[in-house]
């Protein structure tokens, strides 16, 4: 009787653990860098700043600055 009970417990444990073992182990993937995370060079002080945090004067193609002070110095 004990053997049957032990066998039932083992079958239940295998049934519960089998889906976990079948699932492939997924390694966390690093999020791909977006354009907002790109480093841009400040033309005034020559430092690099993340584009999403940079100060920009104008539209596309305009230079990016690390601060409003550098942007002011660039425009003269």
PDB file of N, CA and C in Angstrom:
ATOM      1  N   UNK A   1       0.816  -1.192   0.000  1.00  0.00           N
ATOM      2  CA  UNK A   1       0.000   0.000   0.000  1.00  0.00           C
ATOM      3  C   UNK A   1       0.863   1.260   0.000  1.00  0.00           C
ATOM      4  N   UNK A   2       1.931   1.228   0.774  1.00  0.00           N
ATOM      5  CA  UNK A   2       2.826   2.385   0.820  1.00  0.00           C
ATOM      6  C   UNK A   2       3.496   2.620  -0.528  1.00  0.00           C
ATOM      7  N   UNK A   3       3.790   1.548  -1.211  1.00  0.00           N
ATOM      8  CA  UNK A   3       4.443   1.673  -2.516  1.00  0.00           C
ATOM      9  C   UNK A   3       3.496   2.354  -3.507  1.00  0.00           C
ATOM     10  N   UNK A   4       2.251   2.014  -3.491  1.00  0.00           N
ATOM     11  CA  UNK A   4       1.271   2.620  -4.383  1.00  0.00           C
ATOM     12  C   UNK A   4       1.098   4.099  -4.057  1.00  0.00           C
ATOM     13  N   UNK A   5       1.021   4.421  -2.789  1.00  0.00           N
ATOM     14  CA  UNK A   5       0.899   5.818  -2.379  1.00  0.00           C
ATOM     15  C   UNK A   5       2.130   6.618  -2.784  1.00  0.00           C
ATOM     16  N   UNK A   6       3.297   6.047  -2.604  1.00  0.00           N
ATOM     17  CA  UNK A   6       4.538   6.708  -2.999  1.00  0.00           C
ATOM     18  C   UNK A   6       4.582   6.904  -4.513  1.00  0.00           C
ATOM     19  N   UNK A   7       4.128   5.919  -5.251  1.00  0.00           N
ATOM     20  CA  UNK A   7       4.104   6.007  -6.699  1.00  0.00           C
ATOM     21  C   UNK A   7       3.145   7.104  -7.172  1.00  0.00           C
ATOM     22  N   UNK A   8       2.010   7.229  -6.528  1.00  0.00           N
ATOM     23  CA  UNK A   8       1.052   8.286  -6.878  1.00  0.00           C
ATOM     24  C   UNK A   8       1.649   9.663  -6.604  1.00  0.00           C
ATOM     25  N   UNK A   9       2.329   9.819  -5.483  1.00  0.00           N
ATOM     26  CA  UNK A   9       2.963  11.102  -5.155  1.00  0.00           C
ATOM     27  C   UNK A   9       4.030  11.435  -6.184  1.00  0.00           C
ATOM     28  N   UNK A  10       4.817  10.471  -6.587  1.00  0.00           N
ATOM     29  CA  UNK A  10       5.868  10.703  -7.582  1.00  0.00           C
ATOM     30  C   UNK A  10       5.256  11.099  -8.919  1.00  0.00           C
ATOM     31  N   UNK A  11       4.183  10.450  -9.331  1.00  0.00           N
ATOM     32  CA  UNK A  11       3.526  10.785 -10.591  1.00  0.00           C
ATOM     33  C   UNK A  11       2.959  12.197 -10.538  1.00  0.00           C
ATOM     34  N   UNK A  12       2.379  12.584  -9.430  1.00  0.00           N
ATOM     35  CA  UNK A  12       1.835  13.944  -9.292  1.00  0.00           C
ATOM     36  C   UNK A  12       2.958  14.970  -9.342  1.00  0.00           C
ATOM     37  N   UNK A  13       4.067  14.705  -8.674  1.00  0.00           N
ATOM     38  CA  UNK A  13       5.205  15.635  -8.715  1.00  0.00           C
ATOM     39  C   UNK A  13       5.758  15.772 -10.127  1.00  0.00           C
ATOM     40  N   UNK A  14       5.855  14.669 -10.832  1.00  0.00           N
ATOM     41  CA  UNK A  14       6.357  14.730 -12.208  1.00  0.00           C
ATOM     42  C   UNK A  14       5.388  15.521 -13.080  1.00  0.00           C
ATOM     43  N   UNK A  15       4.096  15.303 -12.874  1.00  0.00           N
ATOM     44  CA  UNK A  15       3.094  16.025 -13.666  1.00  0.00           C
ATOM     45  C   UNK A  15       3.160  17.528 -13.397  1.00  0.00           C
ATOM     46  N   UNK A  16       3.492  17.917 -12.180  1.00  0.00           N
ATOM     47  CA  UNK A  16       3.590  19.344 -11.852  1.00  0.00           C
ATOM     48  C   UNK A  16       4.898  19.955 -12.335  1.00  0.00           C
ATOM     49  N   UNK A  17       5.973  19.178 -12.298  1.00  0.00           N
ATOM     50  CA  UNK A  17       7.281  19.719 -12.656  1.00  0.00           C
ATOM     51  C   UNK A  17       7.592  19.609 -14.142  1.00  0.00           C
ATOM     52  N   UNK A  18       6.946  18.729 -14.859  1.00  0.00           N
ATOM     53  CA  UNK A  18       7.242  18.526 -16.274  1.00  0.00           C
ATOM     54  C   UNK A  18       7.030  19.783 -17.117  1.00  0.00           C
ATOM     55  N   UNK A  19       5.958  20.548 -16.937  1.00  0.00           N
ATOM     56  CA  UNK A  19       5.827  21.789 -17.729  1.00  0.00           C
ATOM     57  C   UNK A  19       6.969  22.781 -17.469  1.00  0.00           C
ATOM     58  N   UNK A  20       7.477  22.803 -16.265  1.00  0.00           N
ATOM     59  CA  UNK A  20       8.591  23.705 -15.965  1.00  0.00           C
ATOM     60  C   UNK A  20       9.864  23.251 -16.656  1.00  0.00           C
ATOM     61  N   UNK A  21      10.032  21.951 -16.770  1.00  0.00           N
ATOM     62  CA  UNK A  21      11.233  21.427 -17.420  1.00  0.00           C
ATOM     63  C   UNK A  21      11.149  21.537 -18.935  1.00  0.00           C
ATOM     64  N   UNK A  22       9.966  21.490 -19.487  1.00  0.00           N
ATOM     65  CA  UNK A  22       9.802  21.600 -20.938  1.00  0.00           C
ATOM     66  C   UNK A  22       9.999  23.009 -21.445  1.00  0.00           C
ATOM     67  N   UNK A  23       9.699  23.976 -20.621  1.00  0.00           N
ATOM     68  CA  UNK A  23       9.828  25.366 -21.017  1.00  0.00           C
ATOM     69  C   UNK A  23      11.303  25.690 -21.229  1.00  0.00           C
ATOM     70  N   UNK A  24      11.667  26.183 -22.400  1.00  0.00           N
ATOM     71  CA  UNK A  24      13.085  26.507 -22.618  1.00  0.00           C
ATOM     72  C   UNK A  24      13.528  27.642 -21.699  1.00  0.00           C
ATOM     73  N   UNK A  25      14.728  27.542 -21.250  1.00  0.00           N
ATOM     74  CA  UNK A  25      15.246  28.606 -20.392  1.00  0.00           C
ATOM     75  C   UNK A  25      15.546  29.813 -21.259  1.00  0.00           C
ATOM     76  N   UNK A  26      14.925  30.882 -20.923  1.00  0.00           N
ATOM     77  CA  UNK A  26      15.104  32.106 -21.693  1.00  0.00           C
ATOM     78  C   UNK A  26      16.038  33.026 -20.945  1.00  0.00           C
ATOM     79  N   UNK A  27      17.077  33.398 -21.625  1.00  0.00           N
ATOM     80  CA  UNK A  27      17.984  34.368 -21.041  1.00  0.00           C
ATOM     81  C   UNK A  27      17.423  35.752 -21.309  1.00  0.00           C
ATOM     82  N   UNK A  28      17.507  36.618 -20.334  1.00  0.00           N
ATOM     83  CA  UNK A  28      16.991  37.966 -20.581  1.00  0.00           C
ATOM     84  C   UNK A  28      17.787  38.632 -21.696  1.00  0.00           C
ATOM     85  N   UNK A  29      17.073  39.151 -22.654  1.00  0.00           N
ATOM     86  CA  UNK A  29      17.738  39.812 -23.772  1.00  0.00           C
ATOM     87  C   UNK A  29      17.847  41.297 -23.477  1.00  0.00           C
ATOM     88  N   UNK A  30      18.928  41.845 -23.879  1.00  0.00           N
ATOM     89  CA  UNK A  30      19.127  43.278 -23.694  1.00  0.00           C
ATOM     90  C   UNK A  30      18.272  44.026 -24.699  1.00  0.00           C
ATOM     91  N   UNK A  31      17.593  45.006 -24.235  1.00  0.00           N
ATOM     92  CA  UNK A  31      16.756  45.803 -25.129  1.00  0.00           C
ATOM     93  C   UNK A  31      17.651  46.502 -26.142  1.00  0.00           C
ATOM     94  N   UNK A  32      17.217  46.491 -27.373  1.00  0.00           N
ATOM     95  CA  UNK A  32      18.006  47.143 -28.396  1.00  0.00           C
ATOM     96  C   UNK A  32      17.954  48.652 -28.194  1.00  0.00           C
ATOM     97  N   UNK A  33      19.040  49.271 -28.474  1.00  0.00           N
ATOM     98  CA  UNK A  33      19.124  50.715 -28.282  1.00  0.00           C
ATOM     99  C   UNK A  33      18.274  51.423 -29.327  1.00  0.00           C
ATOM    100  N   UNK A  34      17.508  52.354 -28.890  1.00  0.00           N
ATOM    101  CA  UNK A  34      16.716  53.150 -29.817  1.00  0.00           C
ATOM    102  C   UNK A  34      17.513  54.386 -30.193  1.00  0.00           C
ATOM    103  N   UNK A  35      16.995  55.137 -31.117  1.00  0.00           N
ATOM    104  CA  UNK A  35      17.703  56.344 -31.535  1.00  0.00           C
ATOM    105  C   UNK A  35      17.792  57.358 -30.401  1.00  0.00           C
ATOM    106  N   UNK A  36      16.832  57.315 -29.466  1.00  0.00           N
ATOM    107  CA  UNK A  36      16.875  58.242 -28.346  1.00  0.00           C
ATOM    108  C   UNK A  36      18.029  57.928 -27.401  1.00  0.00           C
ATOM    109  N   UNK A  37      18.531  56.691 -27.440  1.00  0.00           N
ATOM    110  CA  UNK A  37      19.628  56.307 -26.566  1.00  0.00           C
ATOM    111  C   UNK A  37      20.990  56.487 -27.224  1.00  0.00           C
ATOM    112  N   UNK A  38      21.009  57.019 -28.420  1.00  0.00           N
ATOM    113  CA  UNK A  38      22.254  57.218 -29.146  1.00  0.00           C
ATOM    114  C   UNK A  38      23.048  58.373 -28.524  1.00  0.00           C
ATOM    115  N   UNK A  39      24.353  58.213 -28.476  1.00  0.00           N
ATOM    116  CA  UNK A  39      25.206  59.293 -27.973  1.00  0.00           C
ATOM    117  C   UNK A  39      25.484  60.283 -29.096  1.00  0.00           C
ATOM    118  N   UNK A  40      25.366  61.548 -28.791  1.00  0.00           N
ATOM    119  CA  UNK A  40      25.675  62.615 -29.746  1.00  0.00           C
ATOM    120  C   UNK A  40      26.731  63.528 -29.122  1.00  0.00           C
ATOM    121  N   UNK A  41      27.525  64.123 -29.992  1.00  0.00           N
ATOM    122  CA  UNK A  41      28.628  64.960 -29.517  1.00  0.00           C
ATOM    123  C   UNK A  41      28.235  66.426 -29.531  1.00  0.00           C
ATOM    124  N   UNK A  42      28.480  67.074 -28.419  1.00  0.00           N
ATOM    125  CA  UNK A  42      28.224  68.502 -28.297  1.00  0.00           C
ATOM    126  C   UNK A  42      29.321  69.237 -29.074  1.00  0.00           C
ATOM    127  N   UNK A  43      28.954  70.109 -30.050  1.00  0.00           N
ATOM    128  CA  UNK A  43      29.974  70.788 -30.844  1.00  0.00           C
ATOM    129  C   UNK A  43      30.732  71.876 -30.081  1.00  0.00           C
ATOM    130  N   UNK A  44      30.219  72.295 -28.937  1.00  0.00           N
ATOM    131  CA  UNK A  44      30.875  73.364 -28.184  1.00  0.00           C
ATOM    132  C   UNK A  44      31.907  72.802 -27.221  1.00  0.00           C
ATOM    133  N   UNK A  45      31.472  71.941 -26.313  1.00  0.00           N
ATOM    134  CA  UNK A  45      32.392  71.444 -25.285  1.00  0.00           C
ATOM    135  C   UNK A  45      32.931  70.053 -25.588  1.00  0.00           C
ATOM    136  N   UNK A  46      32.546  69.482 -26.734  1.00  0.00           N
ATOM    137  CA  UNK A  46      33.054  68.198 -27.208  1.00  0.00           C
ATOM    138  C   UNK A  46      32.748  67.021 -26.279  1.00  0.00           C
ATOM    139  N   UNK A  47      31.701  67.105 -25.496  1.00  0.00           N
ATOM    140  CA  UNK A  47      31.299  65.990 -24.648  1.00  0.00           C
ATOM    141  C   UNK A  47      30.188  65.211 -25.339  1.00  0.00           C
ATOM    142  N   UNK A  48      30.014  63.976 -24.912  1.00  0.00           N
ATOM    143  CA  UNK A  48      28.950  63.135 -25.458  1.00  0.00           C
ATOM    144  C   UNK A  48      27.788  63.111 -24.491  1.00  0.00           C
ATOM    145  N   UNK A  49      26.603  63.164 -25.048  1.00  0.00           N
ATOM    146  CA  UNK A  49      25.386  63.182 -24.244  1.00  0.00           C
ATOM    147  C   UNK A  49      24.350  62.279 -24.918  1.00  0.00           C
ATOM    148  N   UNK A  50      23.506  61.645 -24.117  1.00  0.00           N
ATOM    149  CA  UNK A  50      22.436  60.811 -24.661  1.00  0.00           C
ATOM    150  C   UNK A  50      21.438  61.711 -25.378  1.00  0.00           C
ATOM    151  N   UNK A  51      21.054  61.319 -26.584  1.00  0.00           N
ATOM    152  CA  UNK A  51      20.212  62.174 -27.421  1.00  0.00           C
ATOM    153  C   UNK A  51      18.892  62.532 -26.734  1.00  0.00           C
ATOM    154  N   UNK A  52      18.315  61.600 -25.976  1.00  0.00           N
ATOM    155  CA  UNK A  52      17.029  61.893 -25.329  1.00  0.00           C
ATOM    156  C   UNK A  52      17.165  62.955 -24.246  1.00  0.00           C
ATOM    157  N   UNK A  53      18.365  63.167 -23.727  1.00  0.00           N
ATOM    158  CA  UNK A  53      18.592  64.186 -22.697  1.00  0.00           C
ATOM    159  C   UNK A  53      19.264  65.448 -23.244  1.00  0.00           C
ATOM    160  N   UNK A  54      19.596  65.435 -24.524  1.00  0.00           N
ATOM    161  CA  UNK A  54      20.326  66.551 -25.113  1.00  0.00           C
ATOM    162  C   UNK A  54      19.380  67.713 -25.417  1.00  0.00           C
ATOM    163  N   UNK A  55      19.969  68.893 -25.495  1.00  0.00           N
ATOM    164  CA  UNK A  55      19.239  70.106 -25.867  1.00  0.00           C
ATOM    165  C   UNK A  55      19.466  70.313 -27.353  1.00  0.00           C
ATOM    166  N   UNK A  56      18.379  70.543 -28.091  1.00  0.00           N
ATOM    167  CA  UNK A  56      18.492  70.716 -29.529  1.00  0.00           C
ATOM    168  C   UNK A  56      17.882  72.054 -29.920  1.00  0.00           C
ATOM    169  N   UNK A  57      18.515  72.711 -30.843  1.00  0.00           N
ATOM    170  CA  UNK A  57      17.987  73.961 -31.405  1.00  0.00           C
ATOM    171  C   UNK A  57      17.644  73.691 -32.862  1.00  0.00           C
ATOM    172  N   UNK A  58      16.365  73.671 -33.183  1.00  0.00           N
ATOM    173  CA  UNK A  58      15.960  73.438 -34.559  1.00  0.00           C
ATOM    174  C   UNK A  58      15.420  72.037 -34.757  1.00  0.00           C
ATOM    175  N   UNK A  59      15.276  71.654 -36.019  1.00  0.00           N
ATOM    176  CA  UNK A  59      14.677  70.373 -36.375  1.00  0.00           C
ATOM    177  C   UNK A  59      15.709  69.294 -36.608  1.00  0.00           C
ATOM    178  N   UNK A  60      15.399  68.429 -37.573  1.00  0.00           N
ATOM    179  CA  UNK A  60      16.293  67.324 -37.889  1.00  0.00           C
ATOM    180  C   UNK A  60      17.617  67.841 -38.434  1.00  0.00           C
ATOM    181  N   UNK A  61      18.675  67.187 -38.037  1.00  0.00           N
ATOM    182  CA  UNK A  61      20.000  67.580 -38.501  1.00  0.00           C
ATOM    183  C   UNK A  61      20.625  68.695 -37.686  1.00  0.00           C
ATOM    184  N   UNK A  62      19.874  69.272 -36.763  1.00  0.00           N
ATOM    185  CA  UNK A  62      20.421  70.340 -35.926  1.00  0.00           C
ATOM    186  C   UNK A  62      21.359  69.715 -34.893  1.00  0.00           C
ATOM    187  N   UNK A  63      22.375  70.436 -34.486  1.00  0.00           N
ATOM    188  CA  UNK A  63      23.285  69.882 -33.481  1.00  0.00           C
ATOM    189  C   UNK A  63      22.610  69.724 -32.126  1.00  0.00           C
ATOM    190  N   UNK A  64      23.147  68.808 -31.349  1.00  0.00           N
ATOM    191  CA  UNK A  64      22.666  68.561 -29.987  1.00  0.00           C
ATOM    192  C   UNK A  64      23.696  69.074 -29.002  1.00  0.00           C
ATOM    193  N   UNK A  65      23.210  69.561 -27.864  1.00  0.00           N
ATOM    194  CA  UNK A  65      24.089  70.159 -26.860  1.00  0.00           C
ATOM    195  C   UNK A  65      23.848  69.506 -25.511  1.00  0.00           C
ATOM    196  N   UNK A  66      24.861  69.581 -24.648  1.00  0.00           N
ATOM    197  CA  UNK A  66      24.741  68.985 -23.317  1.00  0.00           C
ATOM    198  C   UNK A  66      23.948  69.875 -22.373  1.00  0.00           C
ATOM    199  N   UNK A  67      23.869  71.168 -22.678  1.00  0.00           N
ATOM    200  CA  UNK A  67      23.154  72.089 -21.807  1.00  0.00           C
ATOM    201  C   UNK A  67      22.669  73.284 -22.621  1.00  0.00           C
ATOM    202  N   UNK A  68      21.803  74.067 -22.014  1.00  0.00           N
ATOM    203  CA  UNK A  68      21.328  75.279 -22.688  1.00  0.00           C
ATOM    204  C   UNK A  68      22.435  76.311 -22.799  1.00  0.00           C
ATOM    205  N   UNK A  69      23.376  76.254 -21.866  1.00  0.00           N
ATOM    206  CA  UNK A  69      24.512  77.179 -21.919  1.00  0.00           C
ATOM    207  C   UNK A  69      25.360  76.921 -23.171  1.00  0.00           C
ATOM    208  N   UNK A  70      25.624  75.650 -23.474  1.00  0.00           N
ATOM    209  CA  UNK A  70      26.398  75.335 -24.689  1.00  0.00           C
ATOM    210  C   UNK A  70      25.612  75.696 -25.939  1.00  0.00           C
ATOM    211  N   UNK A  71      24.308  75.509 -25.918  1.00  0.00           N
ATOM    212  CA  UNK A  71      23.486  75.882 -27.073  1.00  0.00           C
ATOM    213  C   UNK A  71      23.525  77.388 -27.282  1.00  0.00           C
ATOM    214  N   UNK A  72      23.493  78.142 -26.211  1.00  0.00           N
ATOM    215  CA  UNK A  72      23.550  79.609 -26.303  1.00  0.00           C
ATOM    216  C   UNK A  72      24.912  80.061 -26.833  1.00  0.00           C
ATOM    217  N   UNK A  73      25.997  79.420 -26.370  1.00  0.00           N
ATOM    218  CA  UNK A  73      27.330  79.790 -26.846  1.00  0.00           C
ATOM    219  C   UNK A  73      27.510  79.442 -28.320  1.00  0.00           C
ATOM    220  N   UNK A  74      26.867  78.363 -28.791  1.00  0.00           N
ATOM    221  CA  UNK A  74      27.001  77.946 -30.173  1.00  0.00           C
ATOM    222  C   UNK A  74      26.316  78.929 -31.119  1.00  0.00           C
ATOM    223  N   UNK A  75      25.133  79.432 -30.716  1.00  0.00           N
ATOM    224  CA  UNK A  75      24.399  80.334 -31.581  1.00  0.00           C
ATOM    225  C   UNK A  75      24.964  81.744 -31.560  1.00  0.00           C
ATOM    226  N   UNK A  76      25.869  81.977 -30.639  1.00  0.00           N
ATOM    227  CA  UNK A  76      26.567  83.254 -30.649  1.00  0.00           C
ATOM    228  C   UNK A  76      25.977  84.215 -29.748  1.00  0.00           C
TER     229      UNK A  76
END
